[in-house]
Amino acid sequence: MQLDVAHPYVLGAGEGETIVDEPDRTLRLLADRPELTVTWFRYGPGQEGPDPHIHRRHTDAFYVLEGELEFGLGPEVTKIVGGAGTLAAAPAGVVHTFRNSSDGTAVFLNIHAPSMGFGDMLRARRDGRDEDAERFDQFEPPPDGGRPLEDAVVRLAGEGDSLALGASGVLFKAEGGDGDGTFSLTEVTLEASYPGPVPHRHRTHVDSFFILDGTVTLRLGDREVEAGPGSYGLVPSGSVHTFANRTEEPVRALNLMTPGGFEQYLKEMAAALPPGSPPDPALMAEVAARYDFEPA
């Protein structure tokens, strides 16, 4: 299948556009729009990523779902190992690479924001069109080593600013102020029977969700989809959507938005809610109106 990214959609676990599916590695495209490309990777023990490189016009980021990855970042290609829950991002000009140096399988998401043709490059390599693949925004490390290691963003499991929203909560893994601000990534825990925000649209942001645990109800326009673990949902800018937890157990999901910055709405929302109070959809809409949030 090739993704239809012009409309909102939800992919179930194991779905997506397959680029590689071999015993030691699998790669599927989950999203491929100008604003971002999201890929799902499975790397067996010892699988190597690309040689150290830079991108000149976009950020390359990773979120580890299972196992662990070894990253090489900065002028000295400094080794950093992160397990499940780790976010590592290399903004434009930061040297980076990755591999699975462990004895177990690593499963992770890879985010290119903006895309700069990453999805087309993967398809070209899959289909043997090497000349097309060479047009991608990827270059050898510069003689000066590129931007410093400190310009990379690394947050291991549990690291990042956290907020409580009633009995729900968020952990910010990447914010608009990190790197070049091309995306934000938030770990979200939704309490049982969480009603979610009012139906709304974003005029400039692309909103997407990857479900970690439990089942999230995603409303996309006039239809609802029950999205379980491993599901991915994408909402292009201008599309009406919302989400909720209609189960009796907490659920966990990743919320990925491009560009970054909308996460500041959640910080204002937390400041506006009295401690321990349930979410107030009307108040959420009032605060969000100061950001790219338009009730539908």
C-alpha atoms as a PDB file:
ATOM      1  CA  MET A   1       0.000   0.000   0.000  1.00  0.00           C
ATOM      2  CA  GLN A   2       1.018   3.629  -0.508  1.00  0.00           C
ATOM      3  CA  LEU A   3      -0.157   6.088   2.088  1.00  0.00           C
ATOM      4  CA  ASP A   4      -2.986   8.503   1.360  1.00  0.00           C
ATOM      5  CA  VAL A   5      -1.769  11.423   3.447  1.00  0.00           C
ATOM      6  CA  ALA A   6      -4.216  14.008   2.106  1.00  0.00           C
ATOM      7  CA  HIS A   7      -6.912  12.855   4.543  1.00  0.00           C
ATOM      8  CA  PRO A   8      -6.979  11.815   8.213  1.00  0.00           C
ATOM      9  CA  TYR A   9      -6.287   8.119   8.735  1.00  0.00           C
ATOM     10  CA  VAL A  10      -5.489   5.473  11.330  1.00  0.00           C
ATOM     11  CA  LEU A  11      -3.112   2.565  10.747  1.00  0.00           C
ATOM     12  CA  GLY A  12      -3.397  -0.510  12.938  1.00  0.00           C
ATOM     13  CA  ALA A  13      -0.392  -2.260  14.452  1.00  0.00           C
ATOM     14  CA  GLY A  14       1.725  -3.742  11.669  1.00  0.00           C
ATOM     15  CA  GLU A  15       0.163  -1.568   8.953  1.00  0.00           C
ATOM     16  CA  GLY A  16       1.855   1.083   6.857  1.00  0.00           C
ATOM     17  CA  GLU A  17       3.775   1.282   3.598  1.00  0.00           C
ATOM     18  CA  THR A  18       6.449  -1.418   3.688  1.00  0.00           C
ATOM     19  CA  ILE A  19       9.935  -0.418   2.559  1.00  0.00           C
ATOM     20  CA  VAL A  20      11.941  -3.350   3.952  1.00  0.00           C
ATOM     21  CA  ASP A  21      10.761  -6.564   5.603  1.00  0.00           C
ATOM     22  CA  GLU A  22      13.620  -8.985   6.252  1.00  0.00           C
ATOM     23  CA  PRO A  23      14.414 -11.393   9.107  1.00  0.00           C
ATOM     24  CA  ASP A  24      16.735  -8.877  10.790  1.00  0.00           C
ATOM     25  CA  ARG A  25      14.928  -5.625  10.049  1.00  0.00           C
ATOM     26  CA  THR A  26      11.598  -4.112   9.071  1.00  0.00           C
ATOM     27  CA  LEU A  27      10.856  -0.563   7.946  1.00  0.00           C
ATOM     28  CA  ARG A  28       7.377   0.837   7.346  1.00  0.00           C
ATOM     29  CA  LEU A  29       6.263   4.345   6.496  1.00  0.00           C
ATOM     30  CA  LEU A  30       3.529   5.580   8.830  1.00  0.00           C
ATOM     31  CA  ALA A  31       3.396   9.167   7.560  1.00  0.00           C
ATOM     32  CA  ASP A  32       4.947  10.983   4.635  1.00  0.00           C
ATOM     33  CA  ARG A  33       3.955  14.615   4.215  1.00  0.00           C
ATOM     34  CA  PRO A  34       6.052  17.731   3.527  1.00  0.00           C
ATOM     35  CA  GLU A  35       5.873  18.584   7.251  1.00  0.00           C
ATOM     36  CA  LEU A  36       7.117  15.206   8.457  1.00  0.00           C
ATOM     37  CA  THR A  37       7.906  11.607   7.663  1.00  0.00           C
ATOM     38  CA  VAL A  38       7.357   8.996  10.390  1.00  0.00           C
ATOM     39  CA  THR A  39       8.826   5.512  10.008  1.00  0.00           C
ATOM     40  CA  TRP A  40       8.512   2.392  12.175  1.00  0.00           C
ATOM     41  CA  PHE A  41      11.717   0.359  12.484  1.00  0.00           C
ATOM     42  CA  ARG A  42      12.533  -3.088  13.819  1.00  0.00           C
ATOM     43  CA  TYR A  43      16.278  -3.787  14.109  1.00  0.00           C
ATOM     44  CA  GLY A  44      17.608  -7.181  15.084  1.00  0.00           C
ATOM     45  CA  PRO A  45      20.750  -7.595  17.228  1.00  0.00           C
ATOM     46  CA  GLY A  46      23.814  -6.018  15.642  1.00  0.00           C
ATOM     47  CA  GLN A  47      21.935  -4.160  12.896  1.00  0.00           C
ATOM     48  CA  GLU A  48      23.857  -1.086  11.743  1.00  0.00           C
ATOM     49  CA  GLY A  49      22.343   2.223  10.735  1.00  0.00           C
ATOM     50  CA  PRO A  50      23.908   4.673   8.254  1.00  0.00           C
ATOM     51  CA  ASP A  51      27.400   6.139   8.500  1.00  0.00           C
ATOM     52  CA  PRO A  52      27.646   9.393  10.492  1.00  0.00           C
ATOM     53  CA  HIS A  53      26.052  12.207   8.499  1.00  0.00           C
ATOM     54  CA  ILE A  54      24.230  15.518   8.723  1.00  0.00           C
ATOM     55  CA  HIS A  55      21.071  17.007   7.288  1.00  0.00           C
ATOM     56  CA  ARG A  56      21.283  20.644   6.292  1.00  0.00           C
ATOM     57  CA  ARG A  57      17.591  21.532   6.288  1.00  0.00           C
ATOM     58  CA  HIS A  58      15.738  19.294   8.713  1.00  0.00           C
ATOM     59  CA  THR A  59      15.769  17.475  12.059  1.00  0.00           C
ATOM     60  CA  ASP A  60      16.214  13.695  12.374  1.00  0.00           C
ATOM     61  CA  ALA A  61      14.750  12.230  15.581  1.00  0.00           C
ATOM     62  CA  PHE A  62      14.172   8.840  17.204  1.00  0.00           C
ATOM     63  CA  TYR A  63      11.872   7.485  19.904  1.00  0.00           C
ATOM     64  CA  VAL A  64      12.666   4.018  21.260  1.00  0.00           C
ATOM     65  CA  LEU A  65       9.609   1.786  21.736  1.00  0.00           C
ATOM     66  CA  GLU A  66      11.277  -1.511  22.706  1.00  0.00           C
ATOM     67  CA  GLY A  67      14.831  -2.643  23.436  1.00  0.00           C
ATOM     68  CA  GLU A  68      17.622  -0.097  23.152  1.00  0.00           C
ATOM     69  CA  LEU A  69      19.495   1.902  20.529  1.00  0.00           C
ATOM     70  CA  GLU A  70      23.018   3.256  20.472  1.00  0.00           C
ATOM     71  CA  PHE A  71      23.231   6.789  19.057  1.00  0.00           C
ATOM     72  CA  GLY A  72      26.326   8.616  17.830  1.00  0.00           C
ATOM     73  CA  LEU A  73      25.944  12.382  18.106  1.00  0.00           C
ATOM     74  CA  GLY A  74      28.005  15.532  17.604  1.00  0.00           C
ATOM     75  CA  PRO A  75      31.491  16.239  16.241  1.00  0.00           C
ATOM     76  CA  GLU A  76      33.023  13.299  18.143  1.00  0.00           C
ATOM     77  CA  VAL A  77      30.069  11.003  17.327  1.00  0.00           C
ATOM     78  CA  THR A  78      29.593  10.589  21.081  1.00  0.00           C
ATOM     79  CA  LYS A  79      28.030   7.271  22.053  1.00  0.00           C
ATOM     80  CA  ILE A  80      24.716   7.444  23.936  1.00  0.00           C
ATOM     81  CA  VAL A  81      22.614   4.347  24.655  1.00  0.00           C
ATOM     82  CA  GLY A  82      18.906   4.685  25.357  1.00  0.00           C
ATOM     83  CA  GLY A  83      16.167   2.181  26.131  1.00  0.00           C
ATOM     84  CA  ALA A  84      12.406   2.332  25.692  1.00  0.00           C
ATOM     85  CA  GLY A  85      11.122   5.858  26.281  1.00  0.00           C
ATOM     86  CA  THR A  86      14.286   7.558  24.989  1.00  0.00           C
ATOM     87  CA  LEU A  87      14.053  10.523  22.601  1.00  0.00           C
ATOM     88  CA  ALA A  88      17.123  11.548  20.605  1.00  0.00           C
ATOM     89  CA  ALA A  89      17.006  14.339  18.021  1.00  0.00           C
ATOM     90  CA  ALA A  90      19.690  15.749  15.731  1.00  0.00           C
ATOM     91  CA  PRO A  91      18.749  19.202  14.380  1.00  0.00           C
ATOM     92  CA  ALA A  92      20.123  20.337  11.037  1.00  0.00           C
ATOM     93  CA  GLY A  93      23.911  20.361  11.071  1.00  0.00           C
ATOM     94  CA  VAL A  94      24.357  17.918  13.978  1.00  0.00           C
ATOM     95  CA  VAL A  95      26.323  14.787  13.035  1.00  0.00           C
ATOM     96  CA  HIS A  96      24.440  11.608  13.934  1.00  0.00           C
ATOM     97  CA  THR A  97      24.078   7.893  13.385  1.00  0.00           C
ATOM     98  CA  PHE A  98      22.485   4.930  15.177  1.00  0.00           C
ATOM     99  CA  ARG A  99      22.666   1.156  15.517  1.00  0.00           C
ATOM    100  CA  ASN A 100      21.429  -1.733  17.621  1.00  0.00           C
ATOM    101  CA  SER A 101      24.497  -2.805  19.555  1.00  0.00           C
ATOM    102  CA  SER A 102      22.499  -4.969  21.963  1.00  0.00           C
ATOM    103  CA  ASP A 103      21.670  -8.688  21.982  1.00  0.00           C
ATOM    104  CA  GLY A 104      17.937  -7.999  21.698  1.00  0.00           C
ATOM    105  CA  THR A 105      15.557  -6.541  19.153  1.00  0.00           C
ATOM    106  CA  ALA A 106      15.079  -2.763  19.000  1.00  0.00           C
ATOM    107  CA  VAL A 107      11.814  -1.193  17.849  1.00  0.00           C
ATOM    108  CA  PHE A 108      11.704   2.558  17.310  1.00  0.00           C
ATOM    109  CA  LEU A 109      10.077   5.452  15.510  1.00  0.00           C
ATOM    110  CA  ASN A 110      12.112   7.731  13.259  1.00  0.00           C
ATOM    111  CA  ILE A 111      10.887  11.277  12.595  1.00  0.00           C
ATOM    112  CA  HIS A 112      12.143  13.602   9.861  1.00  0.00           C
ATOM    113  CA  ALA A 113      10.728  17.113  10.283  1.00  0.00           C
ATOM    114  CA  PRO A 114      10.249  18.612   7.807  1.00  0.00           C
ATOM    115  CA  SER A 115      10.393  15.590   5.525  1.00  0.00           C
ATOM    116  CA  MET A 116      12.674  16.975   2.799  1.00  0.00           C
ATOM    117  CA  GLY A 117      11.786  13.954   0.682  1.00  0.00           C
ATOM    118  CA  PHE A 118      12.849  11.226   3.121  1.00  0.00           C
ATOM    119  CA  GLY A 119       9.925   8.990   2.164  1.00  0.00           C
ATOM    120  CA  ASP A 120      10.673   9.353  -1.540  1.00  0.00           C
ATOM    121  CA  MET A 121      14.326   8.520  -0.862  1.00  0.00           C
ATOM    122  CA  LEU A 122      13.304   5.304   0.910  1.00  0.00           C
ATOM    123  CA  ARG A 123      11.022   4.327  -1.973  1.00  0.00           C
ATOM    124  CA  ALA A 124      13.781   5.058  -4.497  1.00  0.00           C
ATOM    125  CA  ARG A 125      16.214   2.803  -2.656  1.00  0.00           C
ATOM    126  CA  ARG A 126      13.582   0.080  -2.343  1.00  0.00           C
ATOM    127  CA  ASP A 127      12.837   0.250  -6.057  1.00  0.00           C
ATOM    128  CA  GLY A 128      16.493   0.484  -7.156  1.00  0.00           C
ATOM    129  CA  ARG A 129      16.382   4.113  -8.273  1.00  0.00           C
ATOM    130  CA  ASP A 130      19.692   5.097  -6.681  1.00  0.00           C
ATOM    131  CA  GLU A 131      20.023   8.371  -8.617  1.00  0.00           C
ATOM    132  CA  ASP A 132      16.721   9.585  -7.174  1.00  0.00           C
ATOM    133  CA  ALA A 133      17.801   8.542  -3.676  1.00  0.00           C
ATOM    134  CA  GLU A 134      20.937  10.711  -3.912  1.00  0.00           C
ATOM    135  CA  ARG A 135      18.823  13.885  -4.061  1.00  0.00           C
ATOM    136  CA  PHE A 136      17.879  13.575  -0.391  1.00  0.00           C
ATOM    137  CA  ASP A 137      19.113  16.149   2.156  1.00  0.00           C
ATOM    138  CA  GLN A 138      21.947  13.982   3.560  1.00  0.00           C
ATOM    139  CA  PHE A 139      25.658  14.806   3.580  1.00  0.00           C
ATOM    140  CA  GLU A 140      28.949  13.646   5.053  1.00  0.00           C
ATOM    141  CA  PRO A 141      30.069  15.358   8.266  1.00  0.00           C
ATOM    142  CA  PRO A 142      31.646  18.772   7.545  1.00  0.00           C
ATOM    143  CA  PRO A 143      35.372  19.353   8.203  1.00  0.00           C
ATOM    144  CA  ASP A 144      34.610  21.350  11.365  1.00  0.00           C
ATOM    145  CA  GLY A 145      32.499  18.518  12.808  1.00  0.00           C
ATOM    146  CA  GLY A 146      29.198  20.372  12.538  1.00  0.00           C
ATOM    147  CA  ARG A 147      27.137  21.782  15.389  1.00  0.00           C
ATOM    148  CA  PRO A 148      28.141  20.878  18.965  1.00  0.00           C
ATOM    149  CA  LEU A 149      26.800  17.878  20.836  1.00  0.00           C
ATOM    150  CA  GLU A 150      24.895  20.265  23.113  1.00  0.00           C
ATOM    151  CA  ASP A 151      22.638  21.202  20.177  1.00  0.00           C
ATOM    152  CA  ALA A 152      21.297  17.646  20.037  1.00  0.00           C
ATOM    153  CA  VAL A 153      18.279  16.754  22.195  1.00  0.00           C
ATOM    154  CA  VAL A 154      18.526  13.576  24.291  1.00  0.00           C
ATOM    155  CA  ARG A 155      15.983  12.616  26.940  1.00  0.00           C
ATOM    156  CA  LEU A 156      16.172   9.132  28.383  1.00  0.00           C
ATOM    157  CA  ALA A 157      13.199   7.200  29.757  1.00  0.00           C
ATOM    158  CA  GLY A 158      11.284   9.325  32.263  1.00  0.00           C
ATOM    159  CA  GLU A 159      13.214  12.492  31.426  1.00  0.00           C
ATOM    160  CA  GLY A 160      11.512  15.704  30.314  1.00  0.00           C
ATOM    161  CA  ASP A 161       9.207  18.281  31.871  1.00  0.00           C
ATOM    162  CA  SER A 162       6.025  16.736  33.235  1.00  0.00           C
ATOM    163  CA  LEU A 163       2.582  18.103  33.991  1.00  0.00           C
ATOM    164  CA  ALA A 164      -0.546  16.742  35.641  1.00  0.00           C
ATOM    165  CA  LEU A 165      -3.917  17.505  34.064  1.00  0.00           C
ATOM    166  CA  GLY A 166      -6.362  16.213  36.633  1.00  0.00           C
ATOM    167  CA  ALA A 167      -5.641  12.486  36.910  1.00  0.00           C
ATOM    168  CA  SER A 168      -4.104  12.537  33.426  1.00  0.00           C
ATOM    169  CA  GLY A 169      -0.579  13.668  32.695  1.00  0.00           C
ATOM    170  CA  VAL A 170       2.000  14.497  30.047  1.00  0.00           C
ATOM    171  CA  LEU A 171       5.758  14.170  29.752  1.00  0.00           C
ATOM    172  CA  PHE A 172       7.391  16.493  27.213  1.00  0.00           C
ATOM    173  CA  LYS A 173      10.124  14.649  25.330  1.00  0.00           C
ATOM    174  CA  ALA A 174      10.690  17.344  22.674  1.00  0.00           C
ATOM    175  CA  GLU A 175       9.291  20.875  22.658  1.00  0.00           C
ATOM    176  CA  GLY A 176       9.174  23.771  20.245  1.00  0.00           C
ATOM    177  CA  GLY A 177      12.138  25.328  22.039  1.00  0.00           C
ATOM    178  CA  ASP A 178      14.315  22.267  21.480  1.00  0.00           C
ATOM    179  CA  GLY A 179      16.656  22.081  18.523  1.00  0.00           C
ATOM    180  CA  ASP A 180      15.150  23.988  15.618  1.00  0.00           C
ATOM    181  CA  GLY A 181      11.544  23.670  16.835  1.00  0.00           C
ATOM    182  CA  THR A 182      10.419  21.573  13.877  1.00  0.00           C
ATOM    183  CA  PHE A 183       8.289  19.206  16.003  1.00  0.00           C
ATOM    184  CA  SER A 184       7.084  18.400  19.500  1.00  0.00           C
ATOM    185  CA  LEU A 185       6.698  14.939  21.018  1.00  0.00           C
ATOM    186  CA  THR A 186       4.759  14.312  24.217  1.00  0.00           C
ATOM    187  CA  GLU A 187       4.067  11.147  26.194  1.00  0.00           C
ATOM    188  CA  VAL A 188       0.406  11.376  27.202  1.00  0.00           C
ATOM    189  CA  THR A 189      -1.393   9.385  29.910  1.00  0.00           C
ATOM    190  CA  LEU A 190      -5.183   9.617  29.726  1.00  0.00           C
ATOM    191  CA  GLU A 191      -7.144   8.677  32.814  1.00  0.00           C
ATOM    192  CA  ALA A 192     -10.081   6.270  32.631  1.00  0.00           C
ATOM    193  CA  SER A 193     -13.145   7.828  30.949  1.00  0.00           C
ATOM    194  CA  TYR A 194     -11.150  10.881  29.860  1.00  0.00           C
ATOM    195  CA  PRO A 195     -13.541  12.886  27.628  1.00  0.00           C
ATOM    196  CA  GLY A 196     -10.880  14.611  25.549  1.00  0.00           C
ATOM    197  CA  PRO A 197     -10.932  18.134  24.104  1.00  0.00           C
ATOM    198  CA  VAL A 198     -13.832  19.475  22.066  1.00  0.00           C
ATOM    199  CA  PRO A 199     -13.708  18.624  18.344  1.00  0.00           C
ATOM    200  CA  HIS A 200     -11.300  21.055  16.740  1.00  0.00           C
ATOM    201  CA  ARG A 201      -8.909  21.725  13.891  1.00  0.00           C
ATOM    202  CA  HIS A 202      -5.401  23.121  13.596  1.00  0.00           C
ATOM    203  CA  ARG A 203      -4.783  25.520  10.718  1.00  0.00           C
ATOM    204  CA  THR A 204      -0.994  25.141  10.586  1.00  0.00           C
ATOM    205  CA  HIS A 205      -0.112  22.079  12.672  1.00  0.00           C
ATOM    206  CA  VAL A 206      -0.172  18.427  11.646  1.00  0.00           C
ATOM    207  CA  ASP A 207      -1.339  16.351  14.621  1.00  0.00           C
ATOM    208  CA  SER A 208      -0.609  12.652  15.048  1.00  0.00           C
ATOM    209  CA  PHE A 209      -0.787   9.906  17.667  1.00  0.00           C
ATOM    210  CA  PHE A 210       1.009   6.608  18.286  1.00  0.00           C
ATOM    211  CA  ILE A 211      -0.736   4.395  20.838  1.00  0.00           C
ATOM    212  CA  LEU A 212       1.548   2.802  23.431  1.00  0.00           C
ATOM    213  CA  ASP A 213      -0.880   1.068  25.825  1.00  0.00           C
ATOM    214  CA  GLY A 214      -4.646   0.679  25.922  1.00  0.00           C
ATOM    215  CA  THR A 215      -7.232   1.907  23.436  1.00  0.00           C
ATOM    216  CA  VAL A 216      -7.754   5.522  22.393  1.00  0.00           C
ATOM    217  CA  THR A 217     -10.905   6.634  20.591  1.00  0.00           C
ATOM    218  CA  LEU A 218      -9.858   8.896  17.723  1.00  0.00           C
ATOM    219  CA  ARG A 219     -12.567  10.993  16.092  1.00  0.00           C
ATOM    220  CA  LEU A 220     -11.643  11.955  12.545  1.00  0.00           C
ATOM    221  CA  GLY A 221     -14.315  14.134  10.995  1.00  0.00           C
ATOM    222  CA  ASP A 222     -17.613  12.263  11.370  1.00  0.00           C
ATOM    223  CA  ARG A 223     -16.135   8.840  12.091  1.00  0.00           C
ATOM    224  CA  GLU A 224     -14.578   7.282  15.158  1.00  0.00           C
ATOM    225  CA  VAL A 225     -11.804   4.705  15.269  1.00  0.00           C
ATOM    226  CA  GLU A 226     -10.772   2.586  18.241  1.00  0.00           C
ATOM    227  CA  ALA A 227      -6.962   2.657  18.096  1.00  0.00           C
ATOM    228  CA  GLY A 228      -5.095   0.012  20.097  1.00  0.00           C
ATOM    229  CA  PRO A 229      -1.404  -0.469  20.914  1.00  0.00           C
ATOM    230  CA  GLY A 230       0.861   0.079  17.927  1.00  0.00           C
ATOM    231  CA  SER A 231      -1.753   2.105  16.021  1.00  0.00           C
ATOM    232  CA  TYR A 232      -0.842   5.412  14.407  1.00  0.00           C
ATOM    233  CA  GLY A 233      -3.269   8.182  13.501  1.00  0.00           C
ATOM    234  CA  LEU A 234      -2.505  11.288  11.436  1.00  0.00           C
ATOM    235  CA  VAL A 235      -4.596  14.452  11.168  1.00  0.00           C
ATOM    236  CA  PRO A 236      -3.572  16.944   8.448  1.00  0.00           C
ATOM    237  CA  SER A 237      -3.971  20.639   9.161  1.00  0.00           C
ATOM    238  CA  GLY A 238      -7.549  21.840   8.726  1.00  0.00           C
ATOM    239  CA  SER A 239      -9.137  18.471   9.598  1.00  0.00           C
ATOM    240  CA  VAL A 240     -11.633  18.195  12.461  1.00  0.00           C
ATOM    241  CA  HIS A 241     -10.616  15.709  15.144  1.00  0.00           C
ATOM    242  CA  THR A 242     -10.506  14.874  18.820  1.00  0.00           C
ATOM    243  CA  PHE A 243      -9.637  11.928  21.058  1.00  0.00           C
ATOM    244  CA  ALA A 244     -10.846  10.265  24.256  1.00  0.00           C
ATOM    245  CA  ASN A 245     -10.312   7.324  26.585  1.00  0.00           C
ATOM    246  CA  ARG A 246     -13.634   5.525  26.898  1.00  0.00           C
ATOM    247  CA  THR A 247     -12.212   2.568  28.791  1.00  0.00           C
ATOM    248  CA  GLU A 248     -11.985   1.926  32.520  1.00  0.00           C
ATOM    249  CA  GLU A 249      -8.175   1.874  32.516  1.00  0.00           C
ATOM    250  CA  PRO A 250      -5.556   4.578  31.869  1.00  0.00           C
ATOM    251  CA  VAL A 251      -4.083   4.607  28.369  1.00  0.00           C
ATOM    252  CA  ARG A 252      -0.736   5.888  27.082  1.00  0.00           C
ATOM    253  CA  ALA A 253       0.058   7.476  23.736  1.00  0.00           C
ATOM    254  CA  LEU A 254       2.595   9.650  21.976  1.00  0.00           C
ATOM    255  CA  ASN A 255       1.382  12.952  20.568  1.00  0.00           C
ATOM    256  CA  LEU A 256       3.568  14.205  17.715  1.00  0.00           C
ATOM    257  CA  MET A 257       2.939  17.661  16.250  1.00  0.00           C
ATOM    258  CA  THR A 258       4.703  19.594  13.530  1.00  0.00           C
ATOM    259  CA  PRO A 259       5.883  22.257  13.865  1.00  0.00           C
ATOM    260  CA  GLY A 260       6.560  22.455  17.601  1.00  0.00           C
ATOM    261  CA  GLY A 261       5.062  24.979  19.996  1.00  0.00           C
ATOM    262  CA  PHE A 262       1.499  23.774  20.523  1.00  0.00           C
ATOM    263  CA  GLU A 263       2.637  21.910  23.642  1.00  0.00           C
ATOM    264  CA  GLN A 264       2.705  25.275  25.415  1.00  0.00           C
ATOM    265  CA  TYR A 265      -1.088  25.100  25.382  1.00  0.00           C
ATOM    266  CA  LEU A 266      -0.869  22.114  27.724  1.00  0.00           C
ATOM    267  CA  LYS A 267       1.360  24.074  30.096  1.00  0.00           C
ATOM    268  CA  GLU A 268      -1.131  26.926  30.233  1.00  0.00           C
ATOM    269  CA  MET A 269      -3.935  24.421  30.658  1.00  0.00           C
ATOM    270  CA  ALA A 270      -2.213  22.852  33.655  1.00  0.00           C
ATOM    271  CA  ALA A 271      -1.741  26.269  35.229  1.00  0.00           C
ATOM    272  CA  ALA A 272      -5.433  27.079  34.742  1.00  0.00           C
ATOM    273  CA  LEU A 273      -6.788  23.847  36.288  1.00  0.00           C
ATOM    274  CA  PRO A 274      -7.007  23.599  40.083  1.00  0.00           C
ATOM    275  CA  PRO A 275      -4.972  20.613  41.380  1.00  0.00           C
ATOM    276  CA  GLY A 276      -6.955  17.379  41.202  1.00  0.00           C
ATOM    277  CA  SER A 277      -9.832  18.824  39.213  1.00  0.00           C
ATOM    278  CA  PRO A 278     -11.136  16.960  36.143  1.00  0.00           C
ATOM    279  CA  PRO A 279     -10.442  18.356  32.661  1.00  0.00           C
ATOM    280  CA  ASP A 280     -12.879  21.074  31.602  1.00  0.00           C
ATOM    281  CA  PRO A 281     -13.402  20.930  27.796  1.00  0.00           C
ATOM    282  CA  ALA A 282     -14.712  24.511  27.666  1.00  0.00           C
ATOM    283  CA  LEU A 283     -11.712  25.835  29.593  1.00  0.00           C
ATOM    284  CA  MET A 284      -9.392  23.781  27.398  1.00  0.00           C
ATOM    285  CA  ALA A 285     -10.913  25.420  24.321  1.00  0.00           C
ATOM    286  CA  GLU A 286     -10.588  28.902  25.840  1.00  0.00           C
ATOM    287  CA  VAL A 287      -6.901  28.456  26.597  1.00  0.00           C
ATOM    288  CA  ALA A 288      -6.203  26.692  23.303  1.00  0.00           C
ATOM    289  CA  ALA A 289      -7.755  29.589  21.364  1.00  0.00           C
ATOM    290  CA  ARG A 290      -4.507  31.467  22.037  1.00  0.00           C
ATOM    291  CA  TYR A 291      -2.742  28.803  20.022  1.00  0.00           C
ATOM    292  CA  ASP A 292      -3.484  27.027  16.749  1.00  0.00           C
ATOM    293  CA  PHE A 293      -6.762  25.529  18.005  1.00  0.00           C
ATOM    294  CA  GLU A 294     -10.146  26.234  16.427  1.00  0.00           C
ATOM    295  CA  PRO A 295     -13.252  24.514  17.896  1.00  0.00           C
ATOM    296  CA  ALA A 296     -15.315  22.870  15.170  1.00  0.00           C
END
